[in-house]
Protein backbone atom coordinates (compact mmCIF):
# COMPACT_ATOMS: atom_id res chain seq x y z
CA MET A 1 26.42 38.94 -45.16
CA THR A 2 26.24 42.83 -43.72
CA THR A 3 22.71 44.28 -44.42
CA SER A 4 23.42 47.52 -46.29
CA ASN A 5 22.69 50.98 -45.32
CA HIS A 6 19.96 51.44 -48.59
CA LYS A 7 18.34 47.91 -47.37
CA ILE A 8 17.51 48.87 -43.54
CA LYS A 9 16.39 52.39 -44.27
CA SER A 10 14.12 50.89 -47.12
CA ASP A 11 12.84 47.98 -44.76
CA LEU A 12 12.20 50.43 -41.79
CA GLU A 13 10.42 52.92 -44.49
CA LYS A 14 8.15 50.08 -45.71
CA MET A 15 7.12 49.04 -42.15
CA TYR A 16 6.34 52.29 -40.63
CA ASP A 17 4.63 53.66 -43.85
CA ALA A 18 2.34 50.65 -43.59
CA THR A 19 1.43 51.11 -40.05
CA ALA A 20 1.08 54.92 -40.69
CA SER A 21 -2.90 55.07 -39.64
CA ILE A 22 -2.52 52.86 -36.67
CA TYR A 23 0.95 53.73 -35.20
CA GLY A 24 0.83 55.09 -31.22
CA LEU A 25 -2.40 53.33 -30.61
CA GLU A 26 -0.61 51.58 -27.71
CA TYR A 27 -0.56 54.71 -26.15
CA GLN A 28 -3.91 54.94 -25.65
CA SER A 29 -3.82 52.39 -22.92
CA PRO A 30 -3.48 52.86 -19.44
CA ALA A 31 -0.01 51.20 -19.55
CA GLY A 32 1.00 53.07 -23.03
CA TYR A 33 0.06 56.57 -21.64
CA TYR A 34 2.27 55.63 -18.35
CA PHE A 35 4.92 54.62 -20.60
CA MET A 36 5.22 57.93 -22.68
CA TRP A 37 4.26 60.19 -19.97
CA ARG A 38 7.45 58.74 -18.15
CA LYS A 39 9.90 59.39 -21.18
CA ILE A 40 8.43 62.51 -21.65
CA LYS A 41 9.14 63.51 -17.86
CA THR A 42 12.69 61.79 -18.22
CA VAL A 43 13.28 64.48 -21.16
CA LEU A 44 12.17 67.30 -19.54
CA TYR A 45 13.86 66.61 -16.75
CA LEU A 46 17.45 66.26 -18.79
CA GLY A 47 16.79 68.94 -21.47
CA GLY A 48 15.54 71.85 -19.13
CA PHE A 49 13.58 73.08 -22.24
CA SER A 50 11.57 76.42 -21.87
CA GLU A 51 8.44 77.18 -23.02
CA GLY A 52 8.77 78.49 -26.86
CA ASP A 53 11.82 76.66 -27.46
CA GLU A 54 11.96 75.52 -30.84
CA LEU A 55 12.73 71.86 -30.87
CA LEU A 56 13.24 68.83 -33.26
CA GLU A 57 12.31 65.43 -32.82
CA VAL A 58 14.24 63.17 -34.79
CA GLY A 59 11.76 59.83 -35.64
CA CYS A 60 8.70 61.20 -34.66
CA ALA A 61 6.45 58.63 -36.54
CA ASN A 62 2.81 60.09 -37.05
CA GLY A 63 3.75 62.42 -33.76
CA PRO A 64 2.27 60.83 -30.47
CA TYR A 65 5.38 62.66 -28.52
CA THR A 66 5.58 65.62 -31.00
CA PHE A 67 1.79 66.58 -30.41
CA GLU A 68 2.14 65.69 -26.56
CA LEU A 69 5.38 68.20 -26.28
CA ALA A 70 3.45 71.03 -28.18
CA ARG A 71 0.85 71.01 -25.61
CA PHE A 72 3.91 72.22 -23.25
CA GLY A 73 3.97 75.77 -25.71
CA PHE A 74 7.58 73.85 -27.52
CA LYS A 75 7.71 74.82 -31.26
CA MET A 76 7.67 71.26 -32.43
CA THR A 77 9.36 69.65 -35.93
CA GLY A 78 9.11 66.37 -36.43
CA LEU A 79 11.12 64.81 -38.83
CA ASP A 80 10.42 60.91 -40.00
CA LEU A 81 11.71 58.24 -42.64
CA SER A 82 8.02 57.13 -43.03
CA VAL A 83 6.51 59.61 -45.83
CA LYS A 84 2.98 57.89 -44.93
CA ASN A 85 3.75 58.50 -40.99
CA ILE A 86 4.50 62.44 -41.92
CA GLU A 87 1.40 62.63 -44.37
CA GLU A 88 -0.68 61.32 -41.43
CA ALA A 89 0.78 63.78 -38.83
CA ASN A 90 0.43 66.70 -40.86
CA LYS A 91 -3.15 65.58 -41.23
CA ARG A 92 -3.77 65.06 -37.25
CA ALA A 93 -2.18 68.76 -37.08
CA LYS A 94 -4.71 69.93 -39.39
CA VAL A 95 -7.93 68.46 -38.16
CA ASN A 96 -6.97 69.66 -34.46
CA ASP A 97 -5.79 73.08 -35.52
CA ILE A 98 -2.44 72.43 -33.55
CA SER A 99 -0.60 75.30 -34.95
CA ASN A 100 3.02 74.97 -33.04
CA VAL A 101 4.13 71.69 -35.24
CA LYS A 102 5.33 70.93 -38.60
CA PHE A 103 6.31 67.56 -39.98
CA ILE A 104 8.56 67.01 -42.75
CA VAL A 105 10.14 63.91 -44.11
CA GLY A 106 13.59 63.49 -43.70
CA ASP A 107 16.86 61.07 -43.09
CA ALA A 108 18.47 61.19 -39.46
CA GLU A 109 21.78 60.69 -40.51
CA ASN A 110 21.62 63.72 -42.75
CA LEU A 111 19.42 66.44 -41.74
CA LEU A 112 18.08 68.74 -43.73
CA PHE A 113 18.68 71.90 -41.45
CA GLN A 114 21.56 74.76 -41.28
CA ASP A 115 23.82 74.25 -38.74
CA ASN A 116 22.68 75.64 -35.30
CA THR A 117 19.03 75.73 -36.05
CA PHE A 118 17.37 74.13 -33.21
CA GLU A 119 17.17 75.16 -29.37
CA GLY A 120 16.87 71.57 -28.31
CA ILE A 121 16.56 68.23 -30.03
CA ILE A 122 14.75 64.93 -28.76
CA SER A 123 15.27 61.47 -30.23
CA LEU A 124 13.18 58.65 -28.72
CA SER A 125 13.42 54.71 -29.81
CA THR A 126 14.74 56.08 -33.30
CA LEU A 127 18.29 55.93 -33.28
CA ARG A 128 18.21 52.46 -32.15
CA TYR A 129 17.41 51.34 -35.35
CA VAL A 130 19.51 53.88 -37.46
CA PRO A 131 22.28 52.32 -39.77
CA ASN A 132 25.28 54.53 -38.34
CA PRO A 133 23.78 56.28 -34.96
CA GLN A 134 27.60 57.73 -34.55
CA LYS A 135 26.75 59.85 -37.92
CA ALA A 136 23.09 60.63 -36.61
CA ILE A 137 24.45 61.73 -33.40
CA LYS A 138 26.74 64.05 -34.97
CA GLU A 139 24.08 65.33 -37.54
CA ILE A 140 22.26 66.37 -34.17
CA TYR A 141 25.02 67.63 -32.63
CA ARG A 142 25.71 69.99 -36.09
CA VAL A 143 21.91 71.27 -35.85
CA VAL A 144 21.53 71.93 -32.13
CA GLN A 145 22.34 75.67 -30.82
CA LYS A 146 25.54 76.31 -29.07
CA GLY A 147 25.10 75.91 -25.25
CA LYS A 148 21.84 73.87 -25.83
CA ASN A 149 20.36 70.24 -24.73
CA ILE A 150 19.91 67.21 -26.84
CA VAL A 151 18.04 64.21 -25.49
CA ILE A 152 17.96 60.68 -27.03
CA ASP A 153 17.18 57.18 -25.86
CA PHE A 154 18.30 53.70 -26.56
CA PRO A 155 17.30 50.29 -25.23
CA ASN A 156 19.45 48.86 -22.51
CA LYS A 157 21.76 46.06 -23.90
CA ARG A 158 21.57 44.83 -20.24
CA SER A 159 17.65 44.66 -19.73
CA PRO A 160 16.52 41.33 -20.34
CA TRP A 161 13.17 42.63 -21.80
CA PHE A 162 14.62 42.93 -25.37
CA ASN A 163 16.18 40.19 -26.14
CA TYR A 164 14.59 37.50 -24.13
CA LEU A 165 11.03 38.48 -22.33
CA LYS A 166 9.88 40.65 -25.81
CA PRO A 167 10.37 37.67 -28.31
CA TRP A 168 9.33 34.98 -26.00
CA LEU A 169 5.87 37.11 -25.42
CA MET A 170 5.45 39.16 -28.14
CA GLY A 171 6.95 36.41 -30.59
CA LYS A 172 9.35 38.25 -32.66
CA LYS A 173 11.80 41.17 -32.46
CA HIS A 174 11.86 44.44 -34.17
CA ILE A 175 13.71 44.18 -37.65
CA HIS A 176 17.04 45.91 -37.59
CA ASP A 177 17.02 46.34 -33.81
CA HIS A 178 20.18 47.32 -31.55
CA GLN A 179 20.39 47.79 -27.67
CA TYR A 180 23.42 49.58 -26.17
CA THR A 181 24.89 50.17 -22.94
CA ALA A 182 25.03 53.88 -21.09
CA ASN A 183 28.59 53.77 -21.52
CA GLU A 184 28.54 53.29 -25.37
CA ILE A 185 25.51 56.02 -25.58
CA LYS A 186 27.99 58.22 -23.75
CA GLN A 187 30.75 57.71 -25.78
CA MET A 188 28.89 58.20 -29.18
CA LEU A 189 27.65 61.54 -27.75
CA GLN A 190 31.47 62.46 -26.38
CA ASN A 191 32.79 61.64 -29.93
CA ALA A 192 30.49 63.71 -31.54
CA GLY A 193 31.77 67.15 -29.27
CA PHE A 194 29.12 67.01 -26.54
CA ARG A 195 29.75 67.52 -23.14
CA GLU A 196 27.65 67.81 -19.49
CA ILE A 197 26.82 64.13 -20.60
CA GLU A 198 24.22 62.26 -18.35
CA ALA A 199 22.53 59.21 -18.61
CA LYS A 200 19.15 57.88 -16.72
CA ARG A 201 17.91 54.64 -16.77
CA ILE A 202 13.75 54.03 -16.60
CA LEU A 203 11.31 51.67 -16.91
CA TYR A 204 10.30 48.01 -16.19
CA THR A 205 6.96 48.49 -17.65
CA PRO A 206 6.21 47.29 -21.07
CA LYS A 207 3.37 49.49 -22.98
CA ALA A 208 1.35 45.53 -23.27
CA THR A 209 0.99 45.65 -19.47
CA PRO A 210 -2.25 44.60 -18.54
CA SER A 211 -4.39 47.29 -16.70
CA ALA A 212 -4.74 45.09 -14.08
CA MET A 213 -0.80 44.92 -12.99
CA LEU A 214 0.04 48.54 -14.07
CA GLY A 215 -0.30 49.79 -10.27
CA PHE A 216 2.03 46.52 -9.28
CA MET A 217 4.53 47.68 -12.15
CA LYS A 218 4.76 51.18 -11.36
CA GLY A 219 5.74 49.66 -7.80
CA VAL A 220 8.87 47.81 -9.52
CA ASP A 221 9.28 51.09 -11.58
CA PHE A 222 9.69 53.10 -8.66
CA ILE A 223 12.10 50.96 -6.68
CA GLY A 224 14.02 49.47 -9.28
CA GLU A 225 15.12 52.80 -10.29
CA ARG A 226 16.09 53.73 -7.38
CA LEU A 227 18.29 50.50 -6.51
CA PRO A 228 21.99 50.79 -7.34
CA PHE A 229 22.31 47.24 -9.27
CA ILE A 230 18.81 46.67 -9.93
CA ASN A 231 18.42 49.82 -12.01
CA GLU A 232 21.59 48.28 -14.06
CA PHE A 233 18.47 46.53 -16.01
CA ALA A 234 15.68 49.18 -16.54
CA ALA A 235 14.85 48.89 -20.43
CA ILE A 236 15.42 52.37 -21.36
CA ILE A 237 18.27 54.64 -21.22
CA VAL A 238 17.83 57.95 -21.43
CA CYS A 239 20.85 60.29 -22.30
CA LYS A 240 21.20 64.42 -22.50
CA GLY A 241 24.09 66.31 -23.48
CA ARG A 242 25.24 70.10 -24.12
CA LYS A 243 26.71 71.29 -27.26
């Protein structure tokens, strides 16, 4: 029996509400920090955003990526389905006196913004869980300004990590998770109206990599991402589209 959209969103909201105070701690490890910065570096490269741009992050949790991007001078709005995560993010923004961020509760499939609001949009490790990612991408298209870029990512369906290695090493899979190929992501962006679509495959290094192994895994990333066949199996596909 197919799980209803409401049930999927309810499950995700409850799970992320329960971990709101501790979400993102993995980014404090050397491997976690490296993982996050590889994503951010790729987002900035593909997005071509300018300092001062008003950016929306769809699926911000308690703001680990939002706060890092705010340090670059972007005016950040973080949106998430989890009320507890948004409360935690707003609390951290206030405590640390960060004025160029704001956080709101919202649904990726029904963005509560007017058309052409943002100068750029990002969504990292979020649309993979959304019941209808095509609808969410169409909403992202609607609220980004004409001529501006969006950058989203998905787990690579061809990577052995998500369906084989991660369940074996970690003991379980994330609920309601889905993987995609680069062509499937490009097609969703094209269906929504985006042009100048570009995909980049990155990372073989999990966030849980022991510190002693990190130097070796960085070498694997450097080489693997540049080899035509091996690159097909990198864990993350980051895609850019222009409205």
